[in-house]
PDB file of N, CA and C in Angstrom:
ATOM      1  N   MET A   1      20.072   2.568 -17.003  1.00  0.00           N
ATOM      2  CA  MET A   1      18.955   2.275 -16.700  1.00  0.00           C
ATOM      3  C   MET A   1      18.446   4.500 -16.956  1.00  0.00           C
ATOM      4  N   SER A   2      17.833   4.468 -17.636  1.00  0.00           N
ATOM      5  CA  SER A   2      17.304   6.314 -17.953  1.00  0.00           C
ATOM      6  C   SER A   2      16.350   6.381 -16.536  1.00  0.00           C
ATOM      7  N   HIS A   3      16.236   7.589 -16.736  1.00  0.00           N
ATOM      8  CA  HIS A   3      15.058   7.657 -15.384  1.00  0.00           C
ATOM      9  C   HIS A   3      13.938   7.926 -15.658  1.00  0.00           C
ATOM     10  N   SER A   4      13.361   8.144 -16.993  1.00  0.00           N
ATOM     11  CA  SER A   4      12.657   7.697 -17.684  1.00  0.00           C
ATOM     12  C   SER A   4      11.286   6.076 -17.797  1.00  0.00           C
ATOM     13  N   PHE A   5      12.990   5.683 -17.411  1.00  0.00           N
ATOM     14  CA  PHE A   5      12.412   3.730 -17.497  1.00  0.00           C
ATOM     15  C   PHE A   5      12.189   3.970 -15.753  1.00  0.00           C
ATOM     16  N   SER A   6      12.821   4.484 -14.999  1.00  0.00           N
ATOM     17  CA  SER A   6      13.181   4.258 -13.707  1.00  0.00           C
ATOM     18  C   SER A   6      11.310   4.636 -13.365  1.00  0.00           C
ATOM     19  N   VAL A   7      11.446   5.715 -13.808  1.00  0.00           N
ATOM     20  CA  VAL A   7       9.616   5.897 -13.114  1.00  0.00           C
ATOM     21  C   VAL A   7       8.254   5.381 -13.249  1.00  0.00           C
ATOM     22  N   TRP A   8       8.354   5.003 -14.890  1.00  0.00           N
ATOM     23  CA  TRP A   8       7.655   3.831 -15.168  1.00  0.00           C
ATOM     24  C   TRP A   8       7.538   3.283 -14.524  1.00  0.00           C
ATOM     25  N   LEU A   9       8.921   2.779 -14.786  1.00  0.00           N
ATOM     26  CA  LEU A   9       8.875   0.773 -13.432  1.00  0.00           C
ATOM     27  C   LEU A   9       8.293   1.390 -12.409  1.00  0.00           C
ATOM     28  N   VAL A  10       8.522   2.101 -11.151  1.00  0.00           N
ATOM     29  CA  VAL A  10       8.636   2.630 -10.592  1.00  0.00           C
ATOM     30  C   VAL A  10       6.669   2.128 -10.147  1.00  0.00           C
ATOM     31  N   LEU A  11       6.137   2.969 -11.402  1.00  0.00           N
ATOM     32  CA  LEU A  11       4.352   3.649 -11.307  1.00  0.00           C
ATOM     33  C   LEU A  11       4.336   1.922 -12.131  1.00  0.00           C
ATOM     34  N   LEU A  12       4.305   1.502 -12.337  1.00  0.00           N
ATOM     35  CA  LEU A  12       4.346   0.303 -12.949  1.00  0.00           C
ATOM     36  C   LEU A  12       3.989  -1.179 -11.210  1.00  0.00           C
ATOM     37  N   VAL A  13       4.914  -0.933 -10.299  1.00  0.00           N
ATOM     38  CA  VAL A  13       5.202  -2.188  -9.735  1.00  0.00           C
ATOM     39  C   VAL A  13       4.422  -1.006  -8.798  1.00  0.00           C
ATOM     40  N   ALA A  14       4.193   0.336  -8.494  1.00  0.00           N
ATOM     41  CA  ALA A  14       3.429   0.582  -7.513  1.00  0.00           C
ATOM     42  C   ALA A  14       1.790  -0.300  -7.591  1.00  0.00           C
ATOM     43  N   LEU A  15       1.317  -0.178  -9.910  1.00  0.00           N
ATOM     44  CA  LEU A  15      -0.025   0.086 -10.138  1.00  0.00           C
ATOM     45  C   LEU A  15      -0.716  -1.665  -9.650  1.00  0.00           C
ATOM     46  N   THR A  16       0.468  -2.329  -9.945  1.00  0.00           N
ATOM     47  CA  THR A  16       0.468  -3.345  -9.623  1.00  0.00           C
ATOM     48  C   THR A  16       0.205  -4.293  -7.811  1.00  0.00           C
ATOM     49  N   GLY A  17       0.984  -3.842  -6.954  1.00  0.00           N
ATOM     50  CA  GLY A  17       1.043  -4.387  -5.479  1.00  0.00           C
ATOM     51  C   GLY A  17       0.337  -3.580  -5.754  1.00  0.00           C
ATOM     52  N   ALA A  18      -0.583  -2.086  -5.564  1.00  0.00           N
ATOM     53  CA  ALA A  18      -1.534  -1.752  -4.570  1.00  0.00           C
ATOM     54  C   ALA A  18      -2.635  -2.657  -5.251  1.00  0.00           C
ATOM     55  N   ASN A  19      -3.050  -3.102  -6.051  1.00  0.00           N
ATOM     56  CA  ASN A  19      -4.084  -4.290  -6.448  1.00  0.00           C
ATOM     57  C   ASN A  19      -4.009  -5.338  -6.118  1.00  0.00           C
ATOM     58  N   LEU A  20      -2.401  -5.866  -5.702  1.00  0.00           N
ATOM     59  CA  LEU A  20      -2.528  -7.616  -5.196  1.00  0.00           C
ATOM     60  C   LEU A  20      -3.293  -8.013  -4.557  1.00  0.00           C
ATOM     61  N   PRO A  21      -3.405  -7.252  -3.360  1.00  0.00           N
ATOM     62  CA  PRO A  21      -3.573  -8.286  -2.313  1.00  0.00           C
ATOM     63  C   PRO A  21      -4.989  -8.159  -1.594  1.00  0.00           C
ATOM     64  N   PHE A  22      -5.881  -7.725  -3.070  1.00  0.00           N
ATOM     65  CA  PHE A  22      -7.694  -7.440  -3.632  1.00  0.00           C
ATOM     66  C   PHE A  22      -7.544  -8.767  -4.753  1.00  0.00           C
ATOM     67  N   VAL A  23      -7.246  -8.884  -5.527  1.00  0.00           N
ATOM     68  CA  VAL A  23      -7.782  -9.463  -6.622  1.00  0.00           C
ATOM     69  C   VAL A  23      -6.821 -11.518  -6.360  1.00  0.00           C
ATOM     70  N   ASN A  24      -6.713 -11.844  -4.808  1.00  0.00           N
ATOM     71  CA  ASN A  24      -6.406 -13.452  -4.281  1.00  0.00           C
ATOM     72  C   ASN A  24      -6.045 -13.006  -2.970  1.00  0.00           C
ATOM     73  N   ASN A  25      -6.563 -13.928  -2.323  1.00  0.00           N
ATOM     74  CA  ASN A  25      -6.673 -14.593  -1.268  1.00  0.00           C
ATOM     75  C   ASN A  25      -5.227 -15.241  -0.279  1.00  0.00           C
ATOM     76  N   ARG A  26      -4.319 -14.908  -0.712  1.00  0.00           N
ATOM     77  CA  ARG A  26      -3.081 -15.902  -0.757  1.00  0.00           C
ATOM     78  C   ARG A  26      -1.914 -14.501  -0.114  1.00  0.00           C
ATOM     79  N   TRP A  27      -1.152 -15.034   1.219  1.00  0.00           N
ATOM     80  CA  TRP A  27      -0.974 -13.825   2.399  1.00  0.00           C
ATOM     81  C   TRP A  27       0.386 -13.246   1.623  1.00  0.00           C
ATOM     82  N   LEU A  28       0.392 -11.741   1.358  1.00  0.00           N
ATOM     83  CA  LEU A  28       0.793 -11.159   0.584  1.00  0.00           C
ATOM     84  C   LEU A  28       1.484 -11.657  -0.855  1.00  0.00           C
ATOM     85  N   ALA A  29       0.095 -12.557  -1.822  1.00  0.00           N
ATOM     86  CA  ALA A  29       0.484 -12.788  -3.391  1.00  0.00           C
ATOM     87  C   ALA A  29       1.773 -14.303  -3.144  1.00  0.00           C
ATOM     88  N   LEU A  30       2.274 -14.271  -1.465  1.00  0.00           N
ATOM     89  CA  LEU A  30       2.884 -15.375  -1.959  1.00  0.00           C
ATOM     90  C   LEU A  30       2.560 -17.381  -1.269  1.00  0.00           C
ATOM     91  N   TRP A  31       2.155 -17.581  -0.223  1.00  0.00           N
ATOM     92  CA  TRP A  31       1.776 -17.945   0.660  1.00  0.00           C
ATOM     93  C   TRP A  31       0.042 -17.934   0.415  1.00  0.00           C
ATOM     94  N   PRO A  32       0.004 -19.392   0.054  1.00  0.00           N
ATOM     95  CA  PRO A  32      -0.882 -20.655   0.301  1.00  0.00           C
ATOM     96  C   PRO A  32      -1.826 -19.573   1.736  1.00  0.00           C
ATOM     97  N   ARG A  33      -2.833 -19.721   1.885  1.00  0.00           N
ATOM     98  CA  ARG A  33      -3.652 -20.175   2.976  1.00  0.00           C
ATOM     99  C   ARG A  33      -4.451 -22.150   3.225  1.00  0.00           C
ATOM    100  N   GLY A  34      -4.691 -21.803   3.833  1.00  0.00           N
ATOM    101  CA  GLY A  34      -5.793 -22.915   3.836  1.00  0.00           C
ATOM    102  C   GLY A  34      -6.855 -23.704   2.972  1.00  0.00           C
ATOM    103  N   ALA A  35      -7.064 -24.846   2.380  1.00  0.00           N
ATOM    104  CA  ALA A  35      -8.044 -24.137   1.604  1.00  0.00           C
ATOM    105  C   ALA A  35      -8.929 -24.882   1.990  1.00  0.00           C
ATOM    106  N   SER A  36      -9.452 -24.383   3.801  1.00  0.00           N
ATOM    107  CA  SER A  36     -11.083 -24.213   4.446  1.00  0.00           C
ATOM    108  C   SER A  36     -10.855 -22.924   5.008  1.00  0.00           C
ATOM    109  N   ALA A  37      -9.767 -21.849   4.364  1.00  0.00           N
ATOM    110  CA  ALA A  37      -9.812 -21.141   5.222  1.00  0.00           C
ATOM    111  C   ALA A  37     -10.915 -20.170   4.572  1.00  0.00           C
ATOM    112  N   ALA A  38     -11.320 -18.744   5.854  1.00  0.00           N
ATOM    113  CA  ALA A  38     -12.516 -17.960   4.872  1.00  0.00           C
ATOM    114  C   ALA A  38     -11.752 -16.922   4.344  1.00  0.00           C
ATOM    115  N   PRO A  39     -12.537 -16.180   3.015  1.00  0.00           N
ATOM    116  CA  PRO A  39     -11.162 -14.865   2.615  1.00  0.00           C
ATOM    117  C   PRO A  39     -10.981 -13.917   3.169  1.00  0.00           C
ATOM    118  N   LYS A  40     -10.255 -13.461   3.328  1.00  0.00           N
ATOM    119  CA  LYS A  40      -9.532 -12.652   4.288  1.00  0.00           C
ATOM    120  C   LYS A  40     -10.512 -11.096   3.688  1.00  0.00           C
ATOM    121  N   SER A  41     -10.718 -10.940   5.261  1.00  0.00           N
ATOM    122  CA  SER A  41     -11.097  -9.555   5.731  1.00  0.00           C
ATOM    123  C   SER A  41     -10.379  -8.419   4.993  1.00  0.00           C
ATOM    124  N   LEU A  42     -10.971  -7.285   4.969  1.00  0.00           N
ATOM    125  CA  LEU A  42     -10.337  -6.261   4.601  1.00  0.00           C
ATOM    126  C   LEU A  42      -9.164  -5.979   5.618  1.00  0.00           C
ATOM    127  N   GLY A  43      -9.483  -6.408   6.891  1.00  0.00           N
ATOM    128  CA  GLY A  43      -8.353  -5.233   7.335  1.00  0.00           C
ATOM    129  C   GLY A  43      -7.025  -5.945   6.874  1.00  0.00           C
ATOM    130  N   VAL A  44      -7.227  -7.856   6.327  1.00  0.00           N
ATOM    131  CA  VAL A  44      -5.616  -8.287   6.337  1.00  0.00           C
ATOM    132  C   VAL A  44      -5.580  -7.243   5.495  1.00  0.00           C
ATOM    133  N   ARG A  45      -7.199  -7.334   5.051  1.00  0.00           N
ATOM    134  CA  ARG A  45      -5.964  -6.346   2.745  1.00  0.00           C
ATOM    135  C   ARG A  45      -5.904  -5.560   2.848  1.00  0.00           C
ATOM    136  N   LEU A  46      -6.091  -4.113   3.375  1.00  0.00           N
ATOM    137  CA  LEU A  46      -5.650  -3.240   4.197  1.00  0.00           C
ATOM    138  C   LEU A  46      -4.931  -2.957   4.741  1.00  0.00           C
ATOM    139  N   ALA A  47      -3.861  -4.275   5.491  1.00  0.00           N
ATOM    140  CA  ALA A  47      -2.848  -4.820   6.597  1.00  0.00           C
ATOM    141  C   ALA A  47      -2.078  -4.647   5.457  1.00  0.00           C
ATOM    142  N   GLU A  48      -1.796  -5.886   4.241  1.00  0.00           N
ATOM    143  CA  GLU A  48      -1.121  -5.793   2.961  1.00  0.00           C
ATOM    144  C   GLU A  48      -0.281  -5.164   2.055  1.00  0.00           C
ATOM    145  N   LEU A  49      -1.819  -4.025   1.933  1.00  0.00           N
ATOM    146  CA  LEU A  49      -1.400  -2.591   1.653  1.00  0.00           C
ATOM    147  C   LEU A  49      -0.409  -2.195   1.699  1.00  0.00           C
ATOM    148  N   LEU A  50      -0.446  -1.462   3.289  1.00  0.00           N
ATOM    149  CA  LEU A  50       0.481  -0.590   4.191  1.00  0.00           C
ATOM    150  C   LEU A  50       1.985  -1.934   3.986  1.00  0.00           C
ATOM    151  N   VAL A  51       2.285  -2.734   4.075  1.00  0.00           N
ATOM    152  CA  VAL A  51       2.699  -3.736   3.486  1.00  0.00           C
ATOM    153  C   VAL A  51       3.659  -3.272   1.882  1.00  0.00           C
ATOM    154  N   MET A  52       2.396  -4.017   0.972  1.00  0.00           N
ATOM    155  CA  MET A  52       3.228  -3.285  -0.416  1.00  0.00           C
ATOM    156  C   MET A  52       3.583  -1.898  -1.107  1.00  0.00           C
ATOM    157  N   TYR A  53       2.777  -1.090  -0.241  1.00  0.00           N
ATOM    158  CA  TYR A  53       3.212   0.983  -0.307  1.00  0.00           C
ATOM    159  C   TYR A  53       5.032   0.387   0.824  1.00  0.00           C
ATOM    160  N   PHE A  54       5.193   0.006   1.341  1.00  0.00           N
ATOM    161  CA  PHE A  54       6.394   0.147   1.867  1.00  0.00           C
ATOM    162  C   PHE A  54       7.551  -0.699   1.153  1.00  0.00           C
ATOM    163  N   PHE A  55       6.995  -2.448   0.609  1.00  0.00           N
ATOM    164  CA  PHE A  55       7.647  -2.529  -0.345  1.00  0.00           C
ATOM    165  C   PHE A  55       8.667  -1.846  -2.087  1.00  0.00           C
ATOM    166  N   VAL A  56       7.096  -1.279  -2.680  1.00  0.00           N
ATOM    167  CA  VAL A  56       7.601  -0.196  -3.821  1.00  0.00           C
ATOM    168  C   VAL A  56       8.255   0.900  -3.445  1.00  0.00           C
ATOM    169  N   GLY A  57       8.690   1.199  -1.841  1.00  0.00           N
ATOM    170  CA  GLY A  57       9.113   2.279  -2.070  1.00  0.00           C
ATOM    171  C   GLY A  57      10.375   2.826  -2.010  1.00  0.00           C
ATOM    172  N   GLY A  58      10.532   0.585  -0.976  1.00  0.00           N
ATOM    173  CA  GLY A  58      12.082  -0.140  -1.281  1.00  0.00           C
ATOM    174  C   GLY A  58      12.114   0.275  -2.627  1.00  0.00           C
ATOM    175  N   ILE A  59      11.176  -0.034  -3.961  1.00  0.00           N
ATOM    176  CA  ILE A  59      12.323  -0.174  -4.984  1.00  0.00           C
ATOM    177  C   ILE A  59      12.137   0.503  -5.515  1.00  0.00           C
ATOM    178  N   GLY A  60      11.009   1.531  -5.561  1.00  0.00           N
ATOM    179  CA  GLY A  60      11.887   3.831  -5.443  1.00  0.00           C
ATOM    180  C   GLY A  60      13.159   3.732  -4.814  1.00  0.00           C
ATOM    181  N   LEU A  61      13.472   3.719  -4.224  1.00  0.00           N
ATOM    182  CA  LEU A  61      14.436   4.360  -3.603  1.00  0.00           C
ATOM    183  C   LEU A  61      15.464   2.980  -3.312  1.00  0.00           C
ATOM    184  N   ALA A  62      16.088   2.046  -4.351  1.00  0.00           N
ATOM    185  CA  ALA A  62      16.945   1.773  -4.610  1.00  0.00           C
ATOM    186  C   ALA A  62      17.401   2.575  -5.821  1.00  0.00           C
ATOM    187  N   LEU A  63      16.624   2.452  -6.794  1.00  0.00           N
ATOM    188  CA  LEU A  63      15.953   2.944  -8.378  1.00  0.00           C
ATOM    189  C   LEU A  63      16.638   4.639  -7.844  1.00  0.00           C
ATOM    190  N   GLU A  64      16.156   5.461  -6.980  1.00  0.00           N
ATOM    191  CA  GLU A  64      16.867   6.851  -6.270  1.00  0.00           C
ATOM    192  C   GLU A  64      18.504   6.152  -6.171  1.00  0.00           C
ATOM    193  N   GLN A  65      18.882   4.795  -5.576  1.00  0.00           N
ATOM    194  CA  GLN A  65      20.091   5.141  -4.977  1.00  0.00           C
ATOM    195  C   GLN A  65      20.925   4.791  -6.185  1.00  0.00           C
ATOM    196  N   SER A  66      20.441   3.874  -6.602  1.00  0.00           N
ATOM    197  CA  SER A  66      20.975   3.458  -8.127  1.00  0.00           C
ATOM    198  C   SER A  66      21.737   4.734  -8.947  1.00  0.00           C
ATOM    199  N   ALA A  67      20.678   5.448  -9.529  1.00  0.00           N
ATOM    200  CA  ALA A  67      20.553   7.024 -10.437  1.00  0.00           C
ATOM    201  C   ALA A  67      21.640   8.171  -9.599  1.00  0.00           C
ATOM    202  N   GLY A  68      22.328   7.977  -8.643  1.00  0.00           N
ATOM    203  CA  GLY A  68      22.401   9.128  -7.343  1.00  0.00           C
ATOM    204  C   GLY A  68      22.312   9.304  -6.439  1.00  0.00           C
ATOM    205  N   GLN A  69      22.155  10.544  -6.279  1.00  0.00           N
ATOM    206  CA  GLN A  69      22.272  10.608  -4.559  1.00  0.00           C
ATOM    207  C   GLN A  69      20.777  11.005  -3.560  1.00  0.00           C
ATOM    208  N   ILE A  70      20.145  10.212  -2.790  1.00  0.00           N
ATOM    209  CA  ILE A  70      19.228   9.754  -2.178  1.00  0.00           C
ATOM    210  C   ILE A  70      18.658  11.349  -1.535  1.00  0.00           C
ATOM    211  N   TYR A  71      18.145  11.798  -1.936  1.00  0.00           N
ATOM    212  CA  TYR A  71      16.627  13.300  -1.426  1.00  0.00           C
ATOM    213  C   TYR A  71      16.430  13.645  -0.343  1.00  0.00           C
ATOM    214  N   SER A  72      16.250  13.839   0.753  1.00  0.00           N
ATOM    215  CA  SER A  72      15.007  13.723   2.139  1.00  0.00           C
ATOM    216  C   SER A  72      14.178  14.369   1.698  1.00  0.00           C
ATOM    217  N   GLN A  73      13.591  13.398   2.062  1.00  0.00           N
ATOM    218  CA  GLN A  73      11.699  13.851   1.996  1.00  0.00           C
ATOM    219  C   GLN A  73      11.701  14.556   3.418  1.00  0.00           C
ATOM    220  N   GLY A  74      10.222  15.572   3.353  1.00  0.00           N
ATOM    221  CA  GLY A  74       9.389  14.948   4.440  1.00  0.00           C
ATOM    222  C   GLY A  74       7.931  14.770   4.224  1.00  0.00           C
ATOM    223  N   TRP A  75       6.979  15.053   5.643  1.00  0.00           N
ATOM    224  CA  TRP A  75       5.817  14.348   5.414  1.00  0.00           C
ATOM    225  C   TRP A  75       5.060  14.752   3.848  1.00  0.00           C
ATOM    226  N   GLU A  76       5.195  15.544   3.725  1.00  0.00           N
ATOM    227  CA  GLU A  76       4.747  15.818   2.394  1.00  0.00           C
ATOM    228  C   GLU A  76       4.574  15.237   1.415  1.00  0.00           C
ATOM    229  N   PHE A  77       5.487  14.242   1.096  1.00  0.00           N
ATOM    230  CA  PHE A  77       6.307  14.034  -0.171  1.00  0.00           C
ATOM    231  C   PHE A  77       5.462  11.682   0.277  1.00  0.00           C
ATOM    232  N   TYR A  78       5.546  11.701   1.387  1.00  0.00           N
ATOM    233  CA  TYR A  78       4.747  10.397   1.934  1.00  0.00           C
ATOM    234  C   TYR A  78       3.356  10.298   1.893  1.00  0.00           C
ATOM    235  N   ALA A  79       2.846  11.659   2.177  1.00  0.00           N
ATOM    236  CA  ALA A  79       1.191  12.479   2.044  1.00  0.00           C
ATOM    237  C   ALA A  79       1.324  11.615   1.076  1.00  0.00           C
ATOM    238  N   THR A  80       1.774  12.967  -0.103  1.00  0.00           N
ATOM    239  CA  THR A  80       1.494  12.514  -0.703  1.00  0.00           C
ATOM    240  C   THR A  80       1.883  11.137  -2.030  1.00  0.00           C
ATOM    241  N   THR A  81       2.170  10.456  -1.692  1.00  0.00           N
ATOM    242  CA  THR A  81       2.729   8.810  -2.568  1.00  0.00           C
ATOM    243  C   THR A  81       1.556   7.599  -1.674  1.00  0.00           C
ATOM    244  N   ALA A  82       0.980   7.952  -0.480  1.00  0.00           N
ATOM    245  CA  ALA A  82       0.663   7.204  -0.030  1.00  0.00           C
ATOM    246  C   ALA A  82      -1.017   7.505  -0.303  1.00  0.00           C
ATOM    247  N   ALA A  83      -1.386   8.569  -0.620  1.00  0.00           N
ATOM    248  CA  ALA A  83      -3.088   9.272  -1.078  1.00  0.00           C
ATOM    249  C   ALA A  83      -2.504   8.293  -3.106  1.00  0.00           C
ATOM    250  N   LEU A  84      -1.568   8.414  -3.266  1.00  0.00           N
ATOM    251  CA  LEU A  84      -1.328   8.130  -5.010  1.00  0.00           C
ATOM    252  C   LEU A  84      -1.425   5.908  -4.557  1.00  0.00           C
ATOM    253  N   PHE A  85      -0.945   5.691  -3.723  1.00  0.00           N
ATOM    254  CA  PHE A  85      -0.966   4.097  -4.069  1.00  0.00           C
ATOM    255  C   PHE A  85      -2.967   4.294  -3.104  1.00  0.00           C
ATOM    256  N   LEU A  86      -2.936   5.115  -2.780  1.00  0.00           N
ATOM    257  CA  LEU A  86      -4.763   4.674  -2.422  1.00  0.00           C
ATOM    258  C   LEU A  86      -5.247   4.758  -3.320  1.00  0.00           C
ATOM    259  N   THR A  87      -4.939   5.985  -4.334  1.00  0.00           N
ATOM    260  CA  THR A  87      -6.242   5.475  -5.921  1.00  0.00           C
ATOM    261  C   THR A  87      -5.748   4.476  -6.049  1.00  0.00           C
ATOM    262  N   LEU A  88      -4.230   4.252  -6.700  1.00  0.00           N
ATOM    263  CA  LEU A  88      -4.030   3.219  -7.647  1.00  0.00           C
ATOM    264  C   LEU A  88      -4.590   1.313  -7.378  1.00  0.00           C
ATOM    265  N   ALA A  89      -4.733   1.781  -6.074  1.00  0.00           N
ATOM    266  CA  ALA A  89      -5.638   0.940  -5.267  1.00  0.00           C
ATOM    267  C   ALA A  89      -6.823   0.418  -5.308  1.00  0.00           C
ATOM    268  N   PHE A  90      -7.605   1.839  -6.096  1.00  0.00           N
ATOM    269  CA  PHE A  90      -9.450   1.534  -5.646  1.00  0.00           C
ATOM    270  C   PHE A  90      -9.523   0.485  -7.316  1.00  0.00           C
ATOM    271  N   PRO A  91      -9.046   0.137  -8.616  1.00  0.00           N
ATOM    272  CA  PRO A  91      -9.730  -0.905  -9.458  1.00  0.00           C
ATOM    273  C   PRO A  91      -9.562  -1.380  -8.840  1.00  0.00           C
ATOM    274  N   GLY A  92      -9.097  -2.384  -7.951  1.00  0.00           N
ATOM    275  CA  GLY A  92      -9.155  -3.773  -6.482  1.00  0.00           C
ATOM    276  C   GLY A  92     -10.018  -4.016  -6.081  1.00  0.00           C
ATOM    277  N   PHE A  93     -10.027  -2.473  -5.544  1.00  0.00           N
ATOM    278  CA  PHE A  93     -10.708  -2.129  -4.103  1.00  0.00           C
ATOM    279  C   PHE A  93     -12.808  -3.308  -4.827  1.00  0.00           C
ATOM    280  N   VAL A  94     -12.430  -1.861  -6.076  1.00  0.00           N
ATOM    281  CA  VAL A  94     -14.076  -1.795  -6.492  1.00  0.00           C
ATOM    282  C   VAL A  94     -14.198  -3.416  -7.504  1.00  0.00           C
ATOM    283  N   TRP A  95     -13.091  -4.066  -7.492  1.00  0.00           N
ATOM    284  CA  TRP A  95     -13.329  -5.652  -7.837  1.00  0.00           C
ATOM    285  C   TRP A  95     -13.983  -6.504  -6.867  1.00  0.00           C
ATOM    286  N   ARG A  96     -13.071  -6.274  -5.818  1.00  0.00           N
ATOM    287  CA  ARG A  96     -13.499  -6.864  -4.688  1.00  0.00           C
ATOM    288  C   ARG A  96     -14.353  -7.161  -4.043  1.00  0.00           C
ATOM    289  N   TYR A  97     -15.409  -5.872  -3.991  1.00  0.00           N
ATOM    290  CA  TYR A  97     -16.407  -5.359  -2.708  1.00  0.00           C
ATOM    291  C   TYR A  97     -17.557  -5.170  -3.455  1.00  0.00           C
ATOM    292  N   LEU A  98     -17.599  -4.160  -5.105  1.00  0.00           N
ATOM    293  CA  LEU A  98     -18.910  -3.050  -5.510  1.00  0.00           C
ATOM    294  C   LEU A  98     -18.783  -3.721  -6.764  1.00  0.00           C
ATOM    295  N   PHE A  99     -18.079  -4.521  -7.124  1.00  0.00           N
ATOM    296  CA  PHE A  99     -18.372  -5.340  -8.058  1.00  0.00           C
ATOM    297  C   PHE A  99     -19.187  -6.083  -8.209  1.00  0.00           C
ATOM    298  N   LYS A 100     -21.025  -6.462  -8.942  1.00  0.00           N
ATOM    299  CA  LYS A 100     -21.855  -7.592  -8.367  1.00  0.00           C
ATOM    300  C   LYS A 100     -21.571  -9.194  -9.225  1.00  0.00           C
ATOM    301  N   ARG A 101     -21.068  -9.841  -8.725  1.00  0.00           N
ATOM    302  CA  ARG A 101     -21.147 -11.348  -9.969  1.00  0.00           C
ATOM    303  C   ARG A 101     -21.913 -11.856 -10.344  1.00  0.00           C
ATOM    304  N   ARG A 102     -22.295 -12.610 -10.662  1.00  0.00           N
ATOM    305  CA  ARG A 102     -23.807 -13.617 -10.959  1.00  0.00           C
ATOM    306  C   ARG A 102     -22.603 -14.509 -10.188  1.00  0.00           C
ATOM    307  N   ASN A 103     -23.563 -15.472  -9.556  1.00  0.00           N
ATOM    308  CA  ASN A 103     -24.137 -16.180  -9.056  1.00  0.00           C
ATOM    309  C   ASN A 103     -23.685 -17.895 -10.111  1.00  0.00           C
TER     310      ASN A 103
END
């Protein structure tokens, strides 16, 4: 697998994972909630967003390991990737909370 393909794969998975909590009402997009359950709250969606951040980070770490040596990162790297992940989640947030839907 080429290096550029790995980068694009991680970005695509990050874009999908960042928006997933906002576009469905399933737990982590896998397990259905009860039929009479209320929609997920913002806190639950943000917790899922955090879980997805670590999941995407694990995929990136695995791809880096398959390409060679894993480089140690400082706090700056994690602050930057968290900000990027939140930026990628913005379209899903807008669709869920700011977009006016007709009834």
